[in-house]
N, C-alpha and C. Protein backbone atom coordinates (compact mmCIF):
# COMPACT_ATOMS: atom_id res chain seq x y z
N MET A 1 105.06 153.34 125.26
CA MET A 1 104.20 151.90 124.28
C MET A 1 104.97 150.82 124.36
N ILE A 2 103.94 149.87 125.20
CA ILE A 2 104.57 149.26 124.99
C ILE A 2 103.49 146.88 124.78
N LEU A 3 104.15 146.65 123.82
CA LEU A 3 103.20 145.55 123.45
C LEU A 3 103.24 144.15 123.97
N CYS A 4 102.60 143.73 124.60
CA CYS A 4 101.60 142.69 125.84
C CYS A 4 101.02 141.77 124.77
N VAL A 5 101.35 140.21 124.28
CA VAL A 5 100.17 139.09 124.71
C VAL A 5 99.77 138.27 125.42
N ASP A 6 98.81 138.49 125.90
CA ASP A 6 98.41 136.53 127.29
C ASP A 6 98.66 135.70 126.48
N GLU A 7 98.27 134.83 127.40
CA GLU A 7 98.25 133.25 127.66
C GLU A 7 97.92 133.03 126.39
N VAL A 8 96.65 133.38 126.39
CA VAL A 8 95.56 133.22 125.25
C VAL A 8 95.18 133.13 124.04
N GLY A 9 96.78 134.66 123.65
CA GLY A 9 96.32 135.65 122.64
C GLY A 9 96.35 136.88 122.25
N ASN A 10 95.54 137.22 123.18
CA ASN A 10 95.02 138.51 123.22
C ASN A 10 96.14 139.78 123.55
N LYS A 11 96.12 140.47 121.92
CA LYS A 11 96.93 141.86 121.58
C LYS A 11 96.47 142.98 122.54
N TYR A 12 97.65 143.47 123.38
CA TYR A 12 97.32 144.43 123.53
C TYR A 12 98.69 145.30 123.47
N LEU A 13 98.04 146.88 123.37
CA LEU A 13 98.55 148.21 123.38
C LEU A 13 99.26 148.27 124.92
N VAL A 14 99.69 148.63 125.76
CA VAL A 14 99.86 150.16 126.84
C VAL A 14 100.59 150.90 126.97
N ASP A 15 100.14 151.47 127.30
CA ASP A 15 100.57 152.93 127.46
C ASP A 15 100.33 152.90 129.72
N VAL A 16 101.96 153.18 129.60
CA VAL A 16 101.00 152.84 131.48
C VAL A 16 101.34 155.15 131.08
N THR A 17 100.82 155.36 132.26
CA THR A 17 101.53 157.24 132.94
C THR A 17 100.60 156.98 134.11
N SER A 18 101.94 158.58 134.84
CA SER A 18 101.48 158.62 136.44
C SER A 18 101.29 159.98 136.48
N VAL A 19 100.11 160.48 137.59
CA VAL A 19 100.22 161.54 137.67
C VAL A 19 100.35 161.46 139.52
N ARG A 20 100.21 162.82 140.52
CA ARG A 20 101.15 162.34 141.48
C ARG A 20 99.41 162.88 142.09
N GLN A 21 98.67 163.34 141.93
CA GLN A 21 97.95 162.91 142.80
C GLN A 21 96.75 163.19 142.74
N ILE A 22 95.11 162.87 143.21
CA ILE A 22 94.20 161.85 142.96
C ILE A 22 92.72 162.15 141.89
N ASP A 23 93.34 163.40 142.05
CA ASP A 23 92.40 164.44 141.18
C ASP A 23 93.05 165.02 139.90
N GLU A 24 93.35 164.31 140.02
CA GLU A 24 95.03 164.75 138.88
C GLU A 24 94.83 164.10 136.89
N LYS A 25 94.14 164.36 135.58
CA LYS A 25 94.02 163.64 135.17
C LYS A 25 95.28 163.34 134.76
N PRO A 26 95.27 162.64 133.58
CA PRO A 26 96.74 161.94 133.17
C PRO A 26 96.40 162.55 131.71
N ALA A 27 97.57 162.71 131.29
CA ALA A 27 98.42 163.03 129.68
C ALA A 27 97.49 162.39 128.51
N GLU A 28 96.58 162.79 127.78
CA GLU A 28 96.20 162.36 126.76
C GLU A 28 96.79 161.54 125.39
N LEU A 29 96.98 161.57 125.16
CA LEU A 29 97.69 160.10 124.03
C LEU A 29 98.95 162.07 122.77
N SER A 30 99.26 161.39 122.16
CA SER A 30 100.18 162.68 122.24
C SER A 30 99.22 162.10 120.75
N LYS A 31 99.73 162.66 119.17
CA LYS A 31 98.59 162.99 117.94
C LYS A 31 99.24 161.75 117.58
N LYS A 32 100.82 161.44 117.72
CA LYS A 32 101.39 159.78 117.35
C LYS A 32 101.58 158.74 117.58
N GLU A 33 101.43 159.34 119.46
CA GLU A 33 100.52 157.84 120.54
C GLU A 33 98.82 157.36 119.01
N ASN A 34 98.71 158.23 119.54
CA ASN A 34 97.37 157.95 118.01
C ASN A 34 97.36 157.23 117.08
N GLN A 35 97.83 157.40 115.97
CA GLN A 35 98.40 157.01 115.69
C GLN A 35 98.66 156.10 115.32
N ILE A 36 99.64 155.50 116.35
CA ILE A 36 100.05 154.62 116.84
C ILE A 36 98.73 153.67 117.15
N ALA A 37 98.28 154.09 117.83
CA ALA A 37 97.04 153.23 118.65
C ALA A 37 95.75 152.93 117.86
N TYR A 38 95.47 153.65 116.58
CA TYR A 38 94.13 154.06 115.10
C TYR A 38 95.51 151.90 114.89
N LYS A 39 96.65 152.31 114.63
CA LYS A 39 96.28 151.42 113.70
C LYS A 39 96.70 149.71 114.62
N ALA A 40 97.13 149.81 115.86
CA ALA A 40 96.69 148.48 116.04
C ALA A 40 95.76 148.11 116.04
N LYS A 41 94.46 149.53 116.76
CA LYS A 41 92.98 148.67 116.97
C LYS A 41 92.96 147.50 115.77
N GLU A 42 93.51 148.71 114.28
CA GLU A 42 93.19 147.85 113.25
C GLU A 42 93.74 146.62 113.58
N ALA A 43 94.64 146.21 112.92
CA ALA A 43 95.42 144.93 113.65
C ALA A 43 94.97 143.83 114.70
N GLY A 44 94.28 145.00 116.16
CA GLY A 44 93.22 143.73 116.13
C GLY A 44 93.54 143.66 117.76
N PHE A 45 94.46 145.05 118.19
CA PHE A 45 94.99 144.99 119.41
C PHE A 45 94.30 145.54 120.46
N LYS A 46 93.87 145.83 121.52
CA LYS A 46 93.01 146.76 121.96
C LYS A 46 94.24 147.43 123.26
N ILE A 47 93.22 148.52 123.03
CA ILE A 47 94.77 149.48 123.59
C ILE A 47 94.24 149.69 125.75
N LEU A 48 95.30 149.85 126.23
CA LEU A 48 95.24 149.77 127.83
C LEU A 48 95.59 150.83 128.26
N VAL A 49 95.12 151.91 129.52
CA VAL A 49 96.29 152.49 129.83
C VAL A 49 95.98 152.74 130.82
N PRO A 50 97.34 151.97 131.85
CA PRO A 50 96.70 151.78 133.52
C PRO A 50 97.59 152.88 134.32
N VAL A 51 96.70 153.83 134.63
CA VAL A 51 97.24 155.26 135.28
C VAL A 51 97.51 155.48 137.57
N VAL A 52 98.95 154.87 137.46
CA VAL A 52 99.03 155.27 138.49
C VAL A 52 99.71 156.40 139.28
N ARG A 53 98.48 156.67 140.16
CA ARG A 53 98.24 157.42 141.51
C ARG A 53 99.34 157.96 142.06
N PHE A 54 100.52 158.93 142.80
CA PHE A 54 101.58 159.30 143.75
C PHE A 54 100.40 159.50 144.29
N LEU A 55 99.63 159.28 145.66
CA LEU A 55 99.01 159.98 146.73
C LEU A 55 99.84 159.80 148.56
N GLU A 56 99.83 160.89 149.43
CA GLU A 56 99.55 161.33 150.28
C GLU A 56 100.19 159.82 151.00
N ASP A 57 101.25 159.77 152.10
CA ASP A 57 102.02 158.45 153.05
C ASP A 57 101.97 157.76 152.14
N TRP A 58 102.84 157.40 151.17
CA TRP A 58 103.40 156.70 150.10
C TRP A 58 102.70 155.89 149.91
N GLN A 59 101.03 156.34 149.58
CA GLN A 59 100.46 155.17 148.51
C GLN A 59 99.95 155.33 147.45
N VAL A 60 100.16 154.28 146.68
CA VAL A 60 99.62 154.41 145.29
C VAL A 60 98.20 153.96 145.39
N GLN A 61 97.22 154.26 143.88
CA GLN A 61 96.80 154.16 143.31
C GLN A 61 96.86 153.78 141.90
N VAL A 62 95.81 151.99 141.07
CA VAL A 62 96.96 152.46 139.76
C VAL A 62 94.96 152.07 139.35
N GLU A 63 94.43 152.57 138.03
CA GLU A 63 93.88 152.18 137.51
C GLU A 63 93.70 151.70 136.35
N LEU A 64 93.21 151.10 135.49
CA LEU A 64 93.07 149.89 134.01
C LEU A 64 91.92 150.56 133.22
N THR A 65 92.59 151.40 132.32
CA THR A 65 91.38 151.45 131.42
C THR A 65 91.57 150.98 130.18
N GLU A 66 90.62 151.21 129.04
CA GLU A 66 90.51 150.49 128.44
C GLU A 66 90.28 151.21 126.89
N THR A 67 90.77 152.06 126.21
CA THR A 67 90.07 153.25 125.70
C THR A 67 89.85 152.26 124.33
């Protein structure tokens, strides 16, 4: 997990994950990660989860979700 602040002061907790296929689901946050995310939300952080999907022919798909 990474802590980030944008140029206007918004705070983010970022947890990047990757998967090997387009239809594969990323792993859920672990118990400890959920505890950290809960505390971060209480402190005003937004939780972002970028998912990097490694596809065929060296293609990559990136999707960003907020929890």
